[in-house]
N, C-alpha and C. Protein backbone atom coordinates (compact mmCIF):
# COMPACT_ATOMS: atom_id res chain seq x y z
N MET A 1 32.80 -25.36 93.50
CA MET A 1 31.91 -25.63 94.60
C MET A 1 31.50 -27.10 94.54
N SER A 2 31.34 -27.72 95.68
CA SER A 2 30.90 -29.10 95.75
C SER A 2 29.52 -29.24 95.13
N ALA A 3 29.26 -30.40 94.58
CA ALA A 3 27.96 -30.63 93.97
C ALA A 3 26.85 -30.58 95.01
N THR A 4 27.09 -31.14 96.18
CA THR A 4 26.08 -31.11 97.23
C THR A 4 26.71 -30.60 98.52
N ILE A 5 26.07 -29.61 99.08
CA ILE A 5 26.52 -29.04 100.35
C ILE A 5 25.41 -29.25 101.35
N ASP A 6 25.77 -29.82 102.48
CA ASP A 6 24.80 -30.08 103.54
C ASP A 6 24.20 -28.75 103.99
N ALA A 7 22.87 -28.64 103.85
CA ALA A 7 22.19 -27.38 104.15
C ALA A 7 22.34 -26.98 105.62
N SER A 8 22.33 -27.94 106.53
CA SER A 8 22.46 -27.57 107.94
C SER A 8 23.89 -27.12 108.26
N LEU A 9 24.88 -27.71 107.63
CA LEU A 9 26.27 -27.27 107.82
C LEU A 9 26.44 -25.86 107.27
N LEU A 10 25.88 -25.59 106.11
CA LEU A 10 25.93 -24.25 105.53
C LEU A 10 25.23 -23.24 106.44
N ALA A 11 24.06 -23.59 106.95
CA ALA A 11 23.32 -22.68 107.83
C ALA A 11 24.10 -22.42 109.12
N SER A 12 24.72 -23.45 109.68
CA SER A 12 25.50 -23.29 110.91
C SER A 12 26.70 -22.39 110.69
N ALA A 13 27.43 -22.61 109.61
CA ALA A 13 28.62 -21.79 109.34
C ALA A 13 28.22 -20.35 109.03
N THR A 14 27.14 -20.16 108.31
CA THR A 14 26.66 -18.81 108.00
C THR A 14 26.28 -18.07 109.28
N ALA A 15 25.52 -18.75 110.15
CA ALA A 15 25.13 -18.13 111.43
C ALA A 15 26.36 -17.80 112.27
N GLU A 16 27.36 -18.66 112.24
CA GLU A 16 28.59 -18.41 113.00
C GLU A 16 29.31 -17.17 112.50
N VAL A 17 29.43 -17.01 111.20
CA VAL A 17 30.10 -15.83 110.64
C VAL A 17 29.40 -14.56 111.11
N VAL A 18 28.10 -14.52 110.97
CA VAL A 18 27.34 -13.33 111.35
C VAL A 18 27.44 -13.07 112.85
N ASP A 19 27.25 -14.12 113.65
CA ASP A 19 27.24 -13.96 115.10
C ASP A 19 28.62 -13.58 115.65
N LEU A 20 29.68 -14.16 115.10
CA LEU A 20 31.01 -13.80 115.60
C LEU A 20 31.32 -12.33 115.33
N HIS A 21 30.88 -11.82 114.20
CA HIS A 21 31.13 -10.40 113.92
C HIS A 21 30.28 -9.49 114.80
N ARG A 22 29.12 -9.96 115.24
CA ARG A 22 28.36 -9.21 116.25
C ARG A 22 29.14 -9.16 117.56
N PHE A 23 29.74 -10.30 117.92
CA PHE A 23 30.59 -10.34 119.11
C PHE A 23 31.71 -9.30 118.98
N PHE A 24 32.38 -9.23 117.81
CA PHE A 24 33.46 -8.26 117.63
C PHE A 24 32.99 -6.83 117.86
N VAL A 25 31.82 -6.49 117.33
CA VAL A 25 31.30 -5.13 117.51
C VAL A 25 31.09 -4.86 119.00
N ASP A 26 30.50 -5.81 119.69
CA ASP A 26 30.31 -5.64 121.13
C ASP A 26 31.64 -5.56 121.86
N TRP A 27 32.56 -6.45 121.57
CA TRP A 27 33.85 -6.54 122.27
C TRP A 27 34.69 -5.27 122.09
N PHE A 28 34.74 -4.76 120.87
CA PHE A 28 35.61 -3.62 120.58
C PHE A 28 34.99 -2.27 120.91
N ASP A 29 33.67 -2.22 121.15
CA ASP A 29 33.02 -0.95 121.45
C ASP A 29 33.01 -0.72 122.97
N LYS A 30 33.54 0.41 123.38
CA LYS A 30 33.68 0.74 124.81
C LYS A 30 32.37 0.64 125.58
N SER A 31 31.27 1.10 124.99
CA SER A 31 30.00 1.11 125.71
C SER A 31 29.32 -0.25 125.74
N ARG A 32 29.79 -1.21 124.94
CA ARG A 32 29.12 -2.50 124.85
C ARG A 32 29.99 -3.67 125.32
N CYS A 33 31.28 -3.42 125.57
CA CYS A 33 32.20 -4.52 125.83
C CYS A 33 31.90 -5.28 127.11
N ALA A 34 31.25 -4.66 128.08
CA ALA A 34 30.95 -5.35 129.34
C ALA A 34 30.01 -6.54 129.13
N ARG A 35 29.20 -6.49 128.09
CA ARG A 35 28.27 -7.60 127.85
C ARG A 35 28.83 -8.67 126.93
N ALA A 36 30.01 -8.46 126.39
CA ALA A 36 30.61 -9.43 125.47
C ALA A 36 31.36 -10.50 126.25
N ASP A 37 31.11 -11.75 125.91
CA ASP A 37 31.71 -12.90 126.59
C ASP A 37 32.88 -13.42 125.76
N PHE A 38 34.09 -13.16 126.23
CA PHE A 38 35.28 -13.57 125.47
C PHE A 38 35.36 -15.09 125.32
N SER A 39 34.82 -15.83 126.27
CA SER A 39 34.89 -17.29 126.17
C SER A 39 34.14 -17.79 124.94
N ARG A 40 33.15 -17.03 124.48
CA ARG A 40 32.44 -17.39 123.25
C ARG A 40 33.42 -17.41 122.08
N PHE A 41 34.29 -16.41 122.02
CA PHE A 41 35.30 -16.34 120.96
C PHE A 41 36.29 -17.50 121.08
N GLU A 42 36.77 -17.75 122.28
CA GLU A 42 37.73 -18.84 122.49
C GLU A 42 37.15 -20.19 122.08
N ARG A 43 35.87 -20.42 122.38
CA ARG A 43 35.24 -21.71 122.07
C ARG A 43 35.13 -21.98 120.59
N VAL A 44 35.03 -20.95 119.77
CA VAL A 44 34.85 -21.19 118.33
C VAL A 44 36.14 -21.15 117.53
N MET A 45 37.23 -20.75 118.16
CA MET A 45 38.52 -20.80 117.49
C MET A 45 39.12 -22.18 117.75
N GLY A 46 39.04 -23.05 116.77
CA GLY A 46 39.46 -24.43 116.94
C GLY A 46 40.95 -24.55 117.23
N GLU A 47 41.32 -25.64 117.88
CA GLU A 47 42.73 -25.93 118.11
C GLU A 47 43.42 -25.99 116.75
N GLY A 48 44.57 -25.38 116.65
CA GLY A 48 45.29 -25.34 115.39
C GLY A 48 44.79 -24.26 114.44
N PHE A 49 43.86 -23.42 114.89
CA PHE A 49 43.34 -22.33 114.05
C PHE A 49 44.50 -21.48 113.55
N SER A 50 44.39 -21.03 112.31
CA SER A 50 45.36 -20.10 111.75
C SER A 50 44.62 -19.05 110.93
N MET A 51 45.28 -17.90 110.80
CA MET A 51 44.67 -16.77 110.09
C MET A 51 45.73 -16.04 109.27
N VAL A 52 45.33 -15.66 108.06
CA VAL A 52 46.14 -14.78 107.23
C VAL A 52 45.34 -13.50 107.08
N PRO A 53 45.71 -12.43 107.82
CA PRO A 53 45.01 -11.16 107.67
C PRO A 53 45.44 -10.49 106.35
N PRO A 54 44.80 -9.37 105.98
CA PRO A 54 45.16 -8.71 104.72
C PRO A 54 46.63 -8.33 104.60
N SER A 55 47.34 -8.20 105.72
CA SER A 55 48.77 -7.86 105.68
C SER A 55 49.63 -9.00 105.16
N GLY A 56 49.07 -10.22 105.16
CA GLY A 56 49.82 -11.38 104.68
C GLY A 56 50.55 -12.16 105.75
N GLN A 57 50.53 -11.69 107.00
CA GLN A 57 51.16 -12.44 108.09
C GLN A 57 50.44 -13.76 108.28
N LEU A 58 51.09 -14.70 108.92
CA LEU A 58 50.45 -15.94 109.31
C LEU A 58 50.36 -15.95 110.83
N LEU A 59 49.14 -15.95 111.35
CA LEU A 59 48.91 -15.88 112.79
C LEU A 59 48.34 -17.20 113.29
N ASP A 60 48.84 -17.67 114.43
CA ASP A 60 48.27 -18.87 115.02
C ASP A 60 47.14 -18.49 115.97
N ARG A 61 46.50 -19.48 116.52
CA ARG A 61 45.35 -19.27 117.40
C ARG A 61 45.69 -18.36 118.56
N GLU A 62 46.81 -18.60 119.22
CA GLU A 62 47.17 -17.80 120.39
C GLU A 62 47.39 -16.33 120.03
N ALA A 63 48.00 -16.05 118.89
CA ALA A 63 48.21 -14.66 118.47
C ALA A 63 46.89 -13.96 118.19
N VAL A 64 45.95 -14.66 117.58
CA VAL A 64 44.63 -14.08 117.29
C VAL A 64 43.88 -13.83 118.59
N LEU A 65 43.89 -14.81 119.50
CA LEU A 65 43.22 -14.63 120.79
C LEU A 65 43.81 -13.44 121.54
N ALA A 66 45.13 -13.32 121.56
CA ALA A 66 45.79 -12.22 122.28
C ALA A 66 45.44 -10.87 121.65
N TYR A 67 45.42 -10.81 120.33
CA TYR A 67 45.09 -9.56 119.63
C TYR A 67 43.67 -9.10 119.97
N VAL A 68 42.72 -10.02 119.89
CA VAL A 68 41.33 -9.67 120.17
C VAL A 68 41.17 -9.31 121.65
N ARG A 69 41.76 -10.10 122.52
CA ARG A 69 41.65 -9.82 123.96
C ARG A 69 42.16 -8.41 124.28
N ALA A 70 43.27 -8.03 123.69
CA ALA A 70 43.88 -6.72 123.96
C ALA A 70 43.08 -5.56 123.39
N GLY A 71 42.21 -5.82 122.42
CA GLY A 71 41.46 -4.74 121.78
C GLY A 71 40.13 -4.40 122.44
N ARG A 72 39.84 -5.01 123.57
CA ARG A 72 38.55 -4.79 124.23
C ARG A 72 38.31 -3.30 124.51
N GLY A 73 37.14 -2.80 124.09
CA GLY A 73 36.76 -1.42 124.35
C GLY A 73 37.59 -0.38 123.64
N THR A 74 38.19 -0.75 122.52
CA THR A 74 39.09 0.16 121.78
C THR A 74 38.34 1.33 121.15
N PHE A 75 37.11 1.12 120.72
CA PHE A 75 36.36 2.15 120.01
C PHE A 75 35.25 2.70 120.88
N ASP A 76 34.92 3.96 120.64
CA ASP A 76 33.92 4.66 121.44
C ASP A 76 32.68 4.94 120.59
N GLY A 77 31.93 3.88 120.29
CA GLY A 77 30.71 4.04 119.50
C GLY A 77 30.96 4.27 118.02
N ASP A 78 32.20 4.08 117.58
CA ASP A 78 32.54 4.38 116.18
C ASP A 78 33.10 3.16 115.48
N PHE A 79 32.48 2.01 115.73
CA PHE A 79 32.91 0.76 115.11
C PHE A 79 31.69 -0.03 114.70
N ALA A 80 31.65 -0.45 113.43
CA ALA A 80 30.54 -1.25 112.92
C ALA A 80 31.07 -2.24 111.89
N ILE A 81 30.41 -3.37 111.82
CA ILE A 81 30.74 -4.39 110.82
C ILE A 81 29.45 -4.86 110.18
N SER A 82 29.47 -5.01 108.87
CA SER A 82 28.38 -5.70 108.19
C SER A 82 28.99 -6.83 107.37
N ILE A 83 28.27 -7.93 107.31
CA ILE A 83 28.70 -9.11 106.55
C ILE A 83 27.81 -9.21 105.32
N GLU A 84 28.46 -9.36 104.18
CA GLU A 84 27.74 -9.37 102.91
C GLU A 84 28.20 -10.55 102.05
N ASP A 85 27.36 -10.94 101.12
CA ASP A 85 27.72 -11.88 100.06
C ASP A 85 28.32 -13.19 100.59
N ILE A 86 27.66 -13.80 101.58
CA ILE A 86 28.13 -15.09 102.07
C ILE A 86 27.82 -16.15 101.02
N ARG A 87 28.86 -16.91 100.68
CA ARG A 87 28.71 -17.96 99.66
C ARG A 87 29.39 -19.24 100.11
N PRO A 88 28.77 -20.37 99.83
CA PRO A 88 29.46 -21.62 100.10
C PRO A 88 30.55 -21.84 99.05
N GLY A 89 31.62 -22.40 99.49
CA GLY A 89 32.69 -22.78 98.57
C GLY A 89 32.70 -24.29 98.47
N TRP A 90 33.71 -24.88 99.02
CA TRP A 90 33.87 -26.33 99.00
C TRP A 90 33.34 -26.92 100.30
N ALA A 91 32.81 -28.14 100.22
CA ALA A 91 32.36 -28.84 101.43
C ALA A 91 32.52 -30.34 101.21
N ALA A 92 32.83 -31.04 102.30
CA ALA A 92 32.89 -32.50 102.28
C ALA A 92 32.71 -32.97 103.71
N GLY A 93 31.78 -33.87 103.92
CA GLY A 93 31.55 -34.41 105.26
C GLY A 93 31.21 -33.31 106.25
N ASP A 94 32.06 -33.17 107.28
CA ASP A 94 31.80 -32.16 108.32
C ASP A 94 32.66 -30.92 108.17
N VAL A 95 33.10 -30.64 106.93
CA VAL A 95 33.98 -29.50 106.65
C VAL A 95 33.34 -28.64 105.57
N ILE A 96 33.41 -27.31 105.76
CA ILE A 96 32.88 -26.39 104.75
C ILE A 96 33.76 -25.14 104.68
N VAL A 97 33.88 -24.61 103.48
CA VAL A 97 34.54 -23.33 103.25
C VAL A 97 33.47 -22.34 102.82
N LEU A 98 33.47 -21.18 103.48
CA LEU A 98 32.59 -20.07 103.09
C LEU A 98 33.45 -18.90 102.66
N THR A 99 32.94 -18.11 101.74
CA THR A 99 33.52 -16.81 101.45
C THR A 99 32.48 -15.76 101.81
N TYR A 100 32.96 -14.59 102.20
CA TYR A 100 32.06 -13.49 102.55
C TYR A 100 32.85 -12.19 102.47
N VAL A 101 32.11 -11.09 102.43
CA VAL A 101 32.72 -9.77 102.46
C VAL A 101 32.40 -9.14 103.81
N GLU A 102 33.44 -8.64 104.45
CA GLU A 102 33.31 -7.94 105.74
C GLU A 102 33.55 -6.46 105.49
N ALA A 103 32.53 -5.66 105.73
CA ALA A 103 32.64 -4.20 105.58
C ALA A 103 32.73 -3.60 106.98
N GLN A 104 33.74 -2.78 107.22
CA GLN A 104 33.95 -2.17 108.54
C GLN A 104 33.93 -0.65 108.44
N GLN A 105 33.46 -0.05 109.51
CA GLN A 105 33.60 1.38 109.75
C GLN A 105 34.35 1.50 111.08
N ARG A 106 35.53 2.07 111.07
CA ARG A 106 36.34 2.25 112.28
C ARG A 106 36.71 3.71 112.38
N ALA A 107 36.23 4.35 113.41
CA ALA A 107 36.56 5.76 113.64
C ALA A 107 36.37 6.58 112.36
N GLY A 108 35.27 6.33 111.67
CA GLY A 108 34.93 7.09 110.47
C GLY A 108 35.64 6.64 109.20
N LYS A 109 36.44 5.58 109.28
CA LYS A 109 37.17 5.09 108.10
C LYS A 109 36.58 3.75 107.65
N ALA A 110 36.32 3.67 106.35
CA ALA A 110 35.70 2.47 105.79
C ALA A 110 36.76 1.53 105.24
N SER A 111 36.48 0.24 105.36
CA SER A 111 37.30 -0.78 104.72
C SER A 111 36.41 -1.96 104.37
N ARG A 112 36.89 -2.76 103.42
CA ARG A 112 36.19 -3.98 103.01
C ARG A 112 37.23 -5.04 102.74
N ARG A 113 36.91 -6.26 103.14
CA ARG A 113 37.80 -7.38 102.88
C ARG A 113 36.98 -8.60 102.50
N ARG A 114 37.52 -9.39 101.59
CA ARG A 114 36.90 -10.66 101.25
C ARG A 114 37.61 -11.72 102.08
N SER A 115 36.82 -12.58 102.67
CA SER A 115 37.36 -13.62 103.54
C SER A 115 36.95 -15.00 103.05
N SER A 116 37.85 -15.96 103.23
CA SER A 116 37.56 -17.38 103.03
C SER A 116 37.80 -18.04 104.37
N ALA A 117 36.80 -18.76 104.86
CA ALA A 117 36.89 -19.38 106.18
C ALA A 117 36.57 -20.86 106.07
N LEU A 118 37.39 -21.66 106.76
CA LEU A 118 37.21 -23.10 106.83
C LEU A 118 36.63 -23.45 108.19
N PHE A 119 35.53 -24.20 108.19
CA PHE A 119 34.84 -24.61 109.42
C PHE A 119 34.75 -26.13 109.49
N THR A 120 34.78 -26.64 110.73
CA THR A 120 34.49 -28.05 110.97
C THR A 120 33.41 -28.14 112.05
N LEU A 121 32.70 -29.24 112.05
CA LEU A 121 31.68 -29.44 113.07
C LEU A 121 32.30 -29.51 114.46
N ASN A 122 31.60 -28.94 115.44
CA ASN A 122 31.98 -29.03 116.85
C ASN A 122 30.69 -28.81 117.64
N SER A 123 30.16 -29.86 118.19
CA SER A 123 28.86 -29.78 118.85
C SER A 123 28.86 -28.87 120.08
N SER A 124 30.03 -28.57 120.64
CA SER A 124 30.07 -27.69 121.83
C SER A 124 30.19 -26.21 121.46
N ALA A 125 30.35 -25.90 120.19
CA ALA A 125 30.44 -24.51 119.74
C ALA A 125 29.02 -23.92 119.64
N PRO A 126 28.89 -22.60 119.80
CA PRO A 126 27.56 -21.97 119.80
C PRO A 126 26.67 -22.33 118.61
N HIS A 127 27.23 -22.41 117.42
CA HIS A 127 26.44 -22.76 116.24
C HIS A 127 26.80 -24.14 115.68
N GLY A 128 27.55 -24.91 116.47
CA GLY A 128 27.88 -26.27 116.06
C GLY A 128 29.05 -26.39 115.11
N VAL A 129 29.73 -25.27 114.85
CA VAL A 129 30.93 -25.30 114.00
C VAL A 129 32.02 -24.46 114.65
N GLU A 130 33.27 -24.80 114.32
CA GLU A 130 34.38 -24.00 114.79
C GLU A 130 35.23 -23.55 113.62
N TRP A 131 35.89 -22.41 113.81
CA TRP A 131 36.78 -21.84 112.81
C TRP A 131 38.09 -22.62 112.83
N ARG A 132 38.58 -23.02 111.65
CA ARG A 132 39.85 -23.73 111.56
C ARG A 132 40.90 -22.91 110.81
N HIS A 133 40.45 -22.12 109.84
CA HIS A 133 41.38 -21.26 109.08
C HIS A 133 40.59 -20.09 108.52
N LEU A 134 41.24 -18.93 108.46
CA LEU A 134 40.64 -17.71 107.91
C LEU A 134 41.69 -16.99 107.08
N HIS A 135 41.32 -16.59 105.88
CA HIS A 135 42.22 -15.83 105.00
C HIS A 135 41.46 -14.61 104.50
N GLU A 136 42.04 -13.42 104.74
CA GLU A 136 41.39 -12.16 104.37
C GLU A 136 42.23 -11.42 103.33
N THR A 137 41.54 -10.76 102.39
CA THR A 137 42.19 -9.97 101.34
C THR A 137 41.47 -8.64 101.23
N TRP A 138 42.25 -7.55 101.14
CA TRP A 138 41.63 -6.24 101.01
C TRP A 138 40.85 -6.11 99.71
N LEU A 139 39.65 -5.58 99.81
CA LEU A 139 38.89 -5.07 98.68
C LEU A 139 38.94 -3.55 98.68
N GLN A 140 38.94 -2.99 99.89
CA GLN A 140 39.05 -1.55 100.10
C GLN A 140 39.90 -1.35 101.34
N VAL A 141 41.09 -0.82 101.14
CA VAL A 141 42.01 -0.56 102.25
C VAL A 141 41.44 0.59 103.08
N PRO A 142 41.60 0.55 104.40
CA PRO A 142 41.08 1.66 105.23
C PRO A 142 41.58 3.02 104.72
N GLU A 143 40.66 3.95 104.71
CA GLU A 143 41.00 5.31 104.25
C GLU A 143 41.95 5.98 105.21
N ASP A 144 42.79 6.87 104.72
CA ASP A 144 43.71 7.62 105.58
C ASP A 144 43.01 8.77 106.27
């Protein structure tokens, strides 16, 4: 971990992680998706964004946007996410890495993944930071 991490950058990235996952719950839940603004998601996924989901694939920004867009209203009140154990990793200037645990309940099945996310400052983003890279690893694979 860096010796000094800008407290406002850490607070912005932390708020972004929590808020984006609230967006996901709204977006993917059939009864709540009408109030979810997809442009909020697009604004925080920085140009050149990439993601490695637990499967190990490498997804670019367009693939992630398409996947999320297609999943609107997929669940019927049976989807929840909690974010736990947010920790700062490395930071320098306007860049920070956070790790966190994402716990999901999907249609009665639990899963957990540890994520590492790279953020950069972007004054036009809701919390002043945008996602540049995300890497997820299973801690608990969804139950069968």
